[in-house]
């Protein structure tokens, strides 16, 4: 069972490494946030499964609590980072920009 757990933890590390390459290679902040925002919970969950196998059920409960907290808070954090970059003057023109249209229509534009 230890080999299975170790494989899960290595797989989680490889997903995180892949996200790191995405952060280095992708050009726009939006693409970088997307790479980090999608890969970090996946890598944590895969590694946590491996750690949970090694730790046993009683200690794996803490990993489940951490995974639930991450699954609830990470999308909100990434969304707020997206909005902050969108509102700053990055010089990046998006092909489809529904947020600007919605903020202009509501009178809430902060540029």
C-alpha atoms as a PDB file:
ATOM      1  CA  UNK A   1       0.000   0.000   0.000  1.00  0.00           C
ATOM      2  CA  UNK A   2       2.952   2.305   0.585  1.00  0.00           C
ATOM      3  CA  UNK A   3       3.970   2.191  -3.076  1.00  0.00           C
ATOM      4  CA  UNK A   4       0.473   3.266  -4.119  1.00  0.00           C
ATOM      5  CA  UNK A   5       0.597   6.162  -1.646  1.00  0.00           C
ATOM      6  CA  UNK A   6       4.023   7.195  -2.882  1.00  0.00           C
ATOM      7  CA  UNK A   7       2.820   7.117  -6.478  1.00  0.00           C
ATOM      8  CA  UNK A   8      -0.069   9.413  -5.566  1.00  0.00           C
ATOM      9  CA  UNK A   9       2.296  11.848  -3.865  1.00  0.00           C
ATOM     10  CA  UNK A  10       4.730  11.835  -6.784  1.00  0.00           C
ATOM     11  CA  UNK A  11       1.834  12.352  -9.215  1.00  0.00           C
ATOM     12  CA  UNK A  12       0.686  15.348  -7.156  1.00  0.00           C
ATOM     13  CA  UNK A  13       4.190  16.776  -7.295  1.00  0.00           C
ATOM     14  CA  UNK A  14       4.349  16.257 -11.053  1.00  0.00           C
ATOM     15  CA  UNK A  15       1.061  18.128 -11.537  1.00  0.00           C
ATOM     16  CA  UNK A  16       2.453  21.000  -9.453  1.00  0.00           C
ATOM     17  CA  UNK A  17       5.640  20.940 -11.531  1.00  0.00           C
ATOM     18  CA  UNK A  18       3.589  21.076 -14.706  1.00  0.00           C
ATOM     19  CA  UNK A  19       1.756  24.112 -13.312  1.00  0.00           C
ATOM     20  CA  UNK A  20       5.121  25.718 -12.620  1.00  0.00           C
ATOM     21  CA  UNK A  21       6.094  25.266 -16.260  1.00  0.00           C
ATOM     22  CA  UNK A  22       2.787  26.849 -17.197  1.00  0.00           C
ATOM     23  CA  UNK A  23       3.591  29.853 -15.027  1.00  0.00           C
ATOM     24  CA  UNK A  24       6.930  30.245 -16.779  1.00  0.00           C
ATOM     25  CA  UNK A  25       5.800  29.635 -20.352  1.00  0.00           C
ATOM     26  CA  UNK A  26       2.375  31.286 -20.556  1.00  0.00           C
ATOM     27  CA  UNK A  27       2.429  34.925 -21.627  1.00  0.00           C
ATOM     28  CA  UNK A  28      -0.578  36.661 -20.088  1.00  0.00           C
ATOM     29  CA  UNK A  29      -1.457  36.984 -16.407  1.00  0.00           C
ATOM     30  CA  UNK A  30      -4.849  35.445 -17.175  1.00  0.00           C
ATOM     31  CA  UNK A  31      -3.271  32.296 -18.578  1.00  0.00           C
ATOM     32  CA  UNK A  32      -0.858  32.104 -15.650  1.00  0.00           C
ATOM     33  CA  UNK A  33      -3.681  32.398 -13.113  1.00  0.00           C
ATOM     34  CA  UNK A  34      -5.562  29.723 -14.998  1.00  0.00           C
ATOM     35  CA  UNK A  35      -2.599  27.340 -14.872  1.00  0.00           C
ATOM     36  CA  UNK A  36      -1.981  27.920 -11.182  1.00  0.00           C
ATOM     37  CA  UNK A  37      -5.637  28.046 -10.180  1.00  0.00           C
ATOM     38  CA  UNK A  38      -6.504  24.751 -11.842  1.00  0.00           C
ATOM     39  CA  UNK A  39      -3.394  22.770 -11.007  1.00  0.00           C
ATOM     40  CA  UNK A  40      -2.844  23.659  -7.360  1.00  0.00           C
ATOM     41  CA  UNK A  41      -6.010  22.056  -5.961  1.00  0.00           C
ATOM     42  CA  UNK A  42      -5.584  19.024  -8.200  1.00  0.00           C
ATOM     43  CA  UNK A  43      -1.976  18.527  -7.134  1.00  0.00           C
ATOM     44  CA  UNK A  44      -2.899  18.971  -3.478  1.00  0.00           C
ATOM     45  CA  UNK A  45      -5.796  16.526  -3.687  1.00  0.00           C
ATOM     46  CA  UNK A  46      -3.725  13.860  -5.428  1.00  0.00           C
ATOM     47  CA  UNK A  47      -0.858  14.252  -2.956  1.00  0.00           C
ATOM     48  CA  UNK A  48      -3.314  14.320  -0.034  1.00  0.00           C
ATOM     49  CA  UNK A  49      -4.785  10.997  -1.146  1.00  0.00           C
ATOM     50  CA  UNK A  50      -1.307   9.484  -0.956  1.00  0.00           C
ATOM     51  CA  UNK A  51      -0.596  11.086   2.397  1.00  0.00           C
ATOM     52  CA  UNK A  52      -3.988   9.939   3.680  1.00  0.00           C
ATOM     53  CA  UNK A  53      -3.188   6.354   2.768  1.00  0.00           C
ATOM     54  CA  UNK A  54       0.043   6.521   4.754  1.00  0.00           C
ATOM     55  CA  UNK A  55      -1.405   8.425   7.733  1.00  0.00           C
ATOM     56  CA  UNK A  56      -4.501   6.314   8.175  1.00  0.00           C
ATOM     57  CA  UNK A  57      -8.129   7.299   8.540  1.00  0.00           C
ATOM     58  CA  UNK A  58      -7.921   9.223  11.825  1.00  0.00           C
ATOM     59  CA  UNK A  59      -5.219  11.592  10.559  1.00  0.00           C
ATOM     60  CA  UNK A  60      -6.563  11.738   7.007  1.00  0.00           C
ATOM     61  CA  UNK A  61      -9.593  13.616   8.352  1.00  0.00           C
ATOM     62  CA  UNK A  62      -7.366  16.687   8.694  1.00  0.00           C
ATOM     63  CA  UNK A  63      -6.400  16.380   5.042  1.00  0.00           C
ATOM     64  CA  UNK A  64     -10.075  16.212   4.086  1.00  0.00           C
ATOM     65  CA  UNK A  65     -10.741  19.393   6.064  1.00  0.00           C
ATOM     66  CA  UNK A  66      -7.828  21.111   4.298  1.00  0.00           C
ATOM     67  CA  UNK A  67      -9.039  19.874   0.907  1.00  0.00           C
ATOM     68  CA  UNK A  68     -12.559  21.184   1.522  1.00  0.00           C
ATOM     69  CA  UNK A  69     -11.187  24.544   2.656  1.00  0.00           C
ATOM     70  CA  UNK A  70      -9.019  24.741  -0.455  1.00  0.00           C
ATOM     71  CA  UNK A  71     -11.861  23.738  -2.758  1.00  0.00           C
ATOM     72  CA  UNK A  72     -14.073  26.451  -1.258  1.00  0.00           C
ATOM     73  CA  UNK A  73     -11.593  29.308  -1.060  1.00  0.00           C
ATOM     74  CA  UNK A  74      -9.252  28.881  -4.025  1.00  0.00           C
ATOM     75  CA  UNK A  75     -11.763  29.630  -6.795  1.00  0.00           C
ATOM     76  CA  UNK A  76     -12.796  32.827  -5.007  1.00  0.00           C
ATOM     77  CA  UNK A  77      -9.178  33.893  -4.545  1.00  0.00           C
ATOM     78  CA  UNK A  78      -8.302  33.254  -8.176  1.00  0.00           C
ATOM     79  CA  UNK A  79     -11.430  35.125  -9.273  1.00  0.00           C
ATOM     80  CA  UNK A  80     -10.412  38.147  -7.179  1.00  0.00           C
ATOM     81  CA  UNK A  81      -6.921  38.053  -8.662  1.00  0.00           C
ATOM     82  CA  UNK A  82      -8.432  37.940 -12.161  1.00  0.00           C
ATOM     83  CA  UNK A  83     -10.560  41.001 -11.369  1.00  0.00           C
ATOM     84  CA  UNK A  84      -7.599  42.883  -9.905  1.00  0.00           C
ATOM     85  CA  UNK A  85      -5.522  42.245 -13.027  1.00  0.00           C
ATOM     86  CA  UNK A  86      -8.473  43.099 -15.236  1.00  0.00           C
ATOM     87  CA  UNK A  87      -8.976  46.422 -13.482  1.00  0.00           C
ATOM     88  CA  UNK A  88      -5.297  47.324 -13.634  1.00  0.00           C
ATOM     89  CA  UNK A  89      -3.865  48.741 -16.809  1.00  0.00           C
ATOM     90  CA  UNK A  90      -1.947  45.760 -18.182  1.00  0.00           C
ATOM     91  CA  UNK A  91      -2.224  46.774 -21.828  1.00  0.00           C
ATOM     92  CA  UNK A  92      -3.729  43.398 -22.681  1.00  0.00           C
ATOM     93  CA  UNK A  93      -6.727  43.532 -24.969  1.00  0.00           C
ATOM     94  CA  UNK A  94      -9.062  40.584 -24.605  1.00  0.00           C
ATOM     95  CA  UNK A  95     -10.937  39.225 -27.587  1.00  0.00           C
ATOM     96  CA  UNK A  96     -14.119  38.809 -25.525  1.00  0.00           C
ATOM     97  CA  UNK A  97     -14.448  41.058 -22.478  1.00  0.00           C
ATOM     98  CA  UNK A  98     -17.863  40.704 -20.878  1.00  0.00           C
ATOM     99  CA  UNK A  99     -16.720  42.100 -17.532  1.00  0.00           C
ATOM    100  CA  UNK A 100     -15.884  45.520 -18.994  1.00  0.00           C
ATOM    101  CA  UNK A 101     -19.238  45.638 -20.758  1.00  0.00           C
ATOM    102  CA  UNK A 102     -21.104  44.691 -17.572  1.00  0.00           C
ATOM    103  CA  UNK A 103     -19.201  47.214 -15.429  1.00  0.00           C
ATOM    104  CA  UNK A 104     -19.727  49.977 -17.984  1.00  0.00           C
ATOM    105  CA  UNK A 105     -23.452  49.226 -18.148  1.00  0.00           C
ATOM    106  CA  UNK A 106     -23.732  49.275 -14.363  1.00  0.00           C
ATOM    107  CA  UNK A 107     -21.592  52.392 -13.996  1.00  0.00           C
ATOM    108  CA  UNK A 108     -19.044  50.599 -11.817  1.00  0.00           C
ATOM    109  CA  UNK A 109     -15.960  50.988 -13.948  1.00  0.00           C
ATOM    110  CA  UNK A 110     -12.877  51.701 -11.808  1.00  0.00           C
ATOM    111  CA  UNK A 111     -10.184  52.467 -14.353  1.00  0.00           C
END
